Amino acid sequence: MKRGDKIEQNLADAMLSGRVQADCSRLRRDVPSWSKLAEQQQAALLSFAYNVGAGFYGADGFDTITACLSEGRLEDVPAALLLYVNPGGPTEAGLRRR
């Protein structure tokens, strides 16, 4: 697919579902504290992964969020997520809500 292509809603839904399932599987595998997270916390990380890529954990540029998650400092995760908000960008409000 390329930019501008149109697809049917059922295909779009299937593609989204597949992406979310794949991202969730990767986070479940990679993030050591995943099972300790509340459903809402998992959803926030899944949303983050959807925007930046599910391979963020342990990747260059994601040291703070990786450290919080690997060290079990779950109370620090919300502040760490705010480090990845692009001020003034079109997605700022949504990123801050997450």
N, C-alpha and C. Protein backbone atom coordinates (compact mmCIF):
# COMPACT_ATOMS: atom_id res chain seq x y z
N MET A 1 0.84 -1.17 0.00
CA MET A 1 0.00 0.00 0.00
C MET A 1 0.88 1.24 0.00
N LYS A 2 0.34 2.29 -0.59
CA LYS A 2 1.07 3.56 -0.61
C LYS A 2 0.12 4.68 -0.20
N ARG A 3 0.69 5.77 0.20
CA ARG A 3 -0.09 6.93 0.62
C ARG A 3 -1.12 7.28 -0.45
N GLY A 4 -2.35 7.52 0.01
CA GLY A 4 -3.42 7.88 -0.91
C GLY A 4 -4.29 6.71 -1.33
N ASP A 5 -3.80 5.48 -1.14
CA ASP A 5 -4.61 4.30 -1.47
C ASP A 5 -5.83 4.27 -0.56
N LYS A 6 -6.92 3.76 -1.07
CA LYS A 6 -8.14 3.60 -0.28
C LYS A 6 -8.42 2.12 -0.11
N ILE A 7 -8.92 1.77 1.08
CA ILE A 7 -9.26 0.39 1.37
C ILE A 7 -10.63 0.34 2.03
N GLU A 8 -11.21 -0.82 2.05
CA GLU A 8 -12.51 -1.01 2.69
C GLU A 8 -12.33 -0.99 4.22
N GLN A 9 -13.38 -0.63 4.91
CA GLN A 9 -13.33 -0.52 6.37
C GLN A 9 -12.94 -1.85 7.02
N ASN A 10 -13.47 -2.96 6.51
CA ASN A 10 -13.15 -4.25 7.14
C ASN A 10 -11.67 -4.58 7.02
N LEU A 11 -11.03 -4.20 5.91
CA LEU A 11 -9.59 -4.42 5.78
C LEU A 11 -8.82 -3.50 6.72
N ALA A 12 -9.26 -2.25 6.82
CA ALA A 12 -8.62 -1.31 7.74
C ALA A 12 -8.71 -1.82 9.18
N ASP A 13 -9.87 -2.30 9.57
CA ASP A 13 -10.06 -2.84 10.92
C ASP A 13 -9.15 -4.05 11.16
N ALA A 14 -9.05 -4.93 10.18
CA ALA A 14 -8.19 -6.11 10.30
C ALA A 14 -6.72 -5.71 10.40
N MET A 15 -6.31 -4.74 9.62
CA MET A 15 -4.92 -4.27 9.67
C MET A 15 -4.60 -3.65 11.03
N LEU A 16 -5.52 -2.84 11.54
CA LEU A 16 -5.32 -2.23 12.85
C LEU A 16 -5.26 -3.30 13.93
N SER A 17 -6.17 -4.24 13.90
CA SER A 17 -6.20 -5.31 14.89
C SER A 17 -4.90 -6.12 14.87
N GLY A 18 -4.42 -6.43 13.68
CA GLY A 18 -3.17 -7.17 13.56
C GLY A 18 -2.00 -6.40 14.12
N ARG A 19 -1.95 -5.10 13.85
CA ARG A 19 -0.87 -4.26 14.35
C ARG A 19 -0.91 -4.18 15.87
N VAL A 20 -2.09 -3.98 16.43
CA VAL A 20 -2.24 -3.87 17.88
C VAL A 20 -1.85 -5.19 18.54
N GLN A 21 -2.28 -6.32 17.98
CA GLN A 21 -1.93 -7.62 18.54
C GLN A 21 -0.42 -7.86 18.49
N ALA A 22 0.21 -7.51 17.38
CA ALA A 22 1.66 -7.69 17.24
C ALA A 22 2.41 -6.80 18.22
N ASP A 23 1.98 -5.54 18.34
CA ASP A 23 2.64 -4.62 19.27
C ASP A 23 2.48 -5.10 20.71
N CYS A 24 1.28 -5.55 21.05
CA CYS A 24 1.02 -6.04 22.40
C CYS A 24 1.88 -7.27 22.71
N SER A 25 2.00 -8.17 21.77
CA SER A 25 2.83 -9.36 21.97
C SER A 25 4.28 -8.98 22.21
N ARG A 26 4.76 -8.03 21.45
CA ARG A 26 6.15 -7.60 21.62
C ARG A 26 6.36 -6.95 22.97
N LEU A 27 5.45 -6.08 23.38
CA LEU A 27 5.57 -5.42 24.68
C LEU A 27 5.50 -6.46 25.80
N ARG A 28 4.60 -7.40 25.68
CA ARG A 28 4.47 -8.46 26.69
C ARG A 28 5.78 -9.23 26.81
N ARG A 29 6.43 -9.46 25.70
CA ARG A 29 7.69 -10.20 25.68
C ARG A 29 8.86 -9.36 26.19
N ASP A 30 8.93 -8.09 25.77
CA ASP A 30 10.11 -7.27 26.02
C ASP A 30 10.12 -6.52 27.36
N VAL A 31 8.97 -6.05 27.79
CA VAL A 31 8.91 -5.20 28.99
C VAL A 31 8.78 -6.10 30.23
N PRO A 32 9.82 -6.13 31.07
CA PRO A 32 9.81 -7.06 32.21
C PRO A 32 8.69 -6.80 33.21
N SER A 33 8.25 -5.57 33.35
CA SER A 33 7.22 -5.25 34.33
C SER A 33 5.82 -5.28 33.73
N TRP A 34 5.66 -5.78 32.51
CA TRP A 34 4.37 -5.75 31.82
C TRP A 34 3.24 -6.35 32.66
N SER A 35 3.49 -7.47 33.27
CA SER A 35 2.42 -8.15 34.03
C SER A 35 2.04 -7.39 35.30
N LYS A 36 2.88 -6.49 35.74
CA LYS A 36 2.59 -5.69 36.94
C LYS A 36 1.77 -4.44 36.62
N LEU A 37 1.65 -4.14 35.34
CA LEU A 37 0.94 -2.94 34.93
C LEU A 37 -0.57 -3.15 34.96
N ALA A 38 -1.28 -2.11 35.36
CA ALA A 38 -2.74 -2.12 35.28
C ALA A 38 -3.13 -2.06 33.81
N GLU A 39 -4.35 -2.45 33.51
CA GLU A 39 -4.83 -2.45 32.13
C GLU A 39 -4.68 -1.08 31.47
N GLN A 40 -4.96 -0.02 32.23
CA GLN A 40 -4.85 1.33 31.68
C GLN A 40 -3.38 1.69 31.38
N GLN A 41 -2.47 1.22 32.20
CA GLN A 41 -1.05 1.46 31.97
C GLN A 41 -0.57 0.71 30.73
N GLN A 42 -1.02 -0.52 30.59
CA GLN A 42 -0.68 -1.29 29.40
C GLN A 42 -1.23 -0.60 28.15
N ALA A 43 -2.45 -0.09 28.25
CA ALA A 43 -3.06 0.60 27.11
C ALA A 43 -2.26 1.85 26.74
N ALA A 44 -1.78 2.59 27.74
CA ALA A 44 -0.99 3.79 27.47
C ALA A 44 0.32 3.42 26.77
N LEU A 45 0.97 2.36 27.21
CA LEU A 45 2.21 1.93 26.56
C LEU A 45 1.94 1.38 25.16
N LEU A 46 0.82 0.73 24.98
CA LEU A 46 0.45 0.24 23.66
C LEU A 46 0.21 1.41 22.71
N SER A 47 -0.44 2.44 23.19
CA SER A 47 -0.65 3.65 22.40
C SER A 47 0.69 4.30 22.04
N PHE A 48 1.58 4.36 23.01
CA PHE A 48 2.92 4.91 22.80
C PHE A 48 3.64 4.09 21.73
N ALA A 49 3.57 2.76 21.86
CA ALA A 49 4.22 1.87 20.89
C ALA A 49 3.63 2.04 19.50
N TYR A 50 2.35 2.28 19.41
CA TYR A 50 1.71 2.47 18.11
C TYR A 50 2.30 3.71 17.41
N ASN A 51 2.61 4.73 18.22
CA ASN A 51 3.13 5.98 17.66
C ASN A 51 4.64 5.96 17.38
N VAL A 52 5.40 5.29 18.23
CA VAL A 52 6.86 5.32 18.07
C VAL A 52 7.44 4.00 17.60
N GLY A 53 6.65 2.94 17.62
CA GLY A 53 7.12 1.62 17.23
C GLY A 53 7.26 0.73 18.46
N ALA A 54 6.86 -0.50 18.32
CA ALA A 54 6.86 -1.43 19.45
C ALA A 54 8.26 -1.79 19.91
N GLY A 55 9.27 -1.47 19.12
CA GLY A 55 10.64 -1.77 19.51
C GLY A 55 11.29 -0.68 20.32
N PHE A 56 10.51 0.21 20.88
CA PHE A 56 11.09 1.32 21.64
C PHE A 56 11.84 0.85 22.87
N TYR A 57 11.34 -0.20 23.53
CA TYR A 57 11.97 -0.65 24.76
C TYR A 57 13.41 -1.11 24.48
N GLY A 58 14.35 -0.45 25.13
CA GLY A 58 15.77 -0.78 24.96
C GLY A 58 16.43 -0.14 23.76
N ALA A 59 15.68 0.62 22.98
CA ALA A 59 16.23 1.23 21.77
C ALA A 59 16.91 2.56 22.11
N ASP A 60 17.84 2.97 21.24
CA ASP A 60 18.49 4.26 21.40
C ASP A 60 17.45 5.36 21.42
N GLY A 61 17.63 6.30 22.33
CA GLY A 61 16.72 7.42 22.45
C GLY A 61 15.56 7.18 23.40
N PHE A 62 15.45 5.98 23.91
CA PHE A 62 14.36 5.65 24.82
C PHE A 62 14.91 5.16 26.16
N ASP A 63 16.03 5.73 26.56
CA ASP A 63 16.71 5.30 27.78
C ASP A 63 15.87 5.51 29.04
N THR A 64 15.21 6.66 29.14
CA THR A 64 14.46 6.98 30.35
C THR A 64 13.27 6.03 30.53
N ILE A 65 12.46 5.87 29.51
CA ILE A 65 11.29 4.99 29.63
C ILE A 65 11.73 3.54 29.83
N THR A 66 12.80 3.15 29.16
CA THR A 66 13.33 1.80 29.33
C THR A 66 13.79 1.57 30.76
N ALA A 67 14.51 2.55 31.32
CA ALA A 67 14.99 2.41 32.70
C ALA A 67 13.83 2.32 33.68
N CYS A 68 12.83 3.17 33.52
CA CYS A 68 11.67 3.13 34.41
C CYS A 68 11.00 1.76 34.39
N LEU A 69 10.81 1.23 33.21
CA LEU A 69 10.14 -0.05 33.07
C LEU A 69 11.01 -1.21 33.55
N SER A 70 12.29 -1.18 33.23
CA SER A 70 13.16 -2.30 33.61
C SER A 70 13.44 -2.33 35.10
N GLU A 71 13.44 -1.15 35.73
CA GLU A 71 13.72 -1.08 37.17
C GLU A 71 12.44 -1.15 38.00
N GLY A 72 11.29 -1.26 37.34
CA GLY A 72 10.03 -1.35 38.06
C GLY A 72 9.58 -0.05 38.69
N ARG A 73 10.12 1.07 38.21
CA ARG A 73 9.73 2.39 38.72
C ARG A 73 8.49 2.86 37.95
N LEU A 74 7.41 2.16 38.16
CA LEU A 74 6.19 2.40 37.38
C LEU A 74 5.60 3.78 37.65
N GLU A 75 5.83 4.31 38.85
CA GLU A 75 5.32 5.64 39.17
C GLU A 75 6.01 6.73 38.34
N ASP A 76 7.18 6.42 37.77
CA ASP A 76 7.92 7.39 36.96
C ASP A 76 7.59 7.31 35.47
N VAL A 77 6.83 6.30 35.08
CA VAL A 77 6.52 6.11 33.66
C VAL A 77 5.74 7.29 33.06
N PRO A 78 4.71 7.83 33.74
CA PRO A 78 3.99 8.96 33.13
C PRO A 78 4.91 10.14 32.80
N ALA A 79 5.81 10.49 33.69
CA ALA A 79 6.75 11.60 33.42
C ALA A 79 7.69 11.24 32.28
N ALA A 80 8.10 9.98 32.23
CA ALA A 80 8.98 9.55 31.14
C ALA A 80 8.28 9.65 29.80
N LEU A 81 6.99 9.30 29.75
CA LEU A 81 6.24 9.40 28.49
C LEU A 81 6.18 10.84 28.00
N LEU A 82 6.11 11.79 28.92
CA LEU A 82 6.03 13.20 28.53
C LEU A 82 7.31 13.69 27.84
N LEU A 83 8.40 12.97 28.02
CA LEU A 83 9.65 13.35 27.34
C LEU A 83 9.55 13.20 25.83
N TYR A 84 8.57 12.45 25.37
CA TYR A 84 8.45 12.15 23.95
C TYR A 84 7.31 12.91 23.27
N VAL A 85 6.83 13.96 23.93
CA VAL A 85 5.81 14.83 23.35
C VAL A 85 6.51 15.88 22.51
N ASN A 86 6.03 16.10 21.31
CA ASN A 86 6.60 17.14 20.44
C ASN A 86 5.83 18.43 20.65
N PRO A 87 6.37 19.35 21.46
CA PRO A 87 5.64 20.59 21.75
C PRO A 87 5.27 21.34 20.48
N GLY A 88 4.02 21.76 20.43
CA GLY A 88 3.55 22.54 19.30
C GLY A 88 3.15 21.72 18.10
N GLY A 89 3.41 20.42 18.14
CA GLY A 89 3.07 19.55 17.02
C GLY A 89 1.59 19.23 17.01
N PRO A 90 1.11 18.69 15.91
CA PRO A 90 -0.32 18.39 15.80
C PRO A 90 -0.79 17.29 16.73
N THR A 91 0.13 16.50 17.24
CA THR A 91 -0.25 15.38 18.12
C THR A 91 -0.02 15.68 19.60
N GLU A 92 0.41 16.89 19.91
CA GLU A 92 0.77 17.21 21.30
C GLU A 92 -0.36 16.92 22.29
N ALA A 93 -1.56 17.39 22.01
CA ALA A 93 -2.67 17.21 22.96
C ALA A 93 -2.94 15.73 23.22
N GLY A 94 -2.96 14.93 22.17
CA GLY A 94 -3.20 13.50 22.33
C GLY A 94 -2.09 12.81 23.10
N LEU A 95 -0.86 13.20 22.85
CA LEU A 95 0.26 12.60 23.55
C LEU A 95 0.23 12.95 25.03
N ARG A 96 -0.14 14.17 25.35
CA ARG A 96 -0.23 14.58 26.75
C ARG A 96 -1.37 13.85 27.48
N ARG A 97 -2.47 13.60 26.79
CA ARG A 97 -3.59 12.87 27.41
C ARG A 97 -3.19 11.44 27.74
N ARG A 98 -2.39 10.83 26.86
CA ARG A 98 -1.98 9.44 27.07
C ARG A 98 -1.26 9.34 28.41
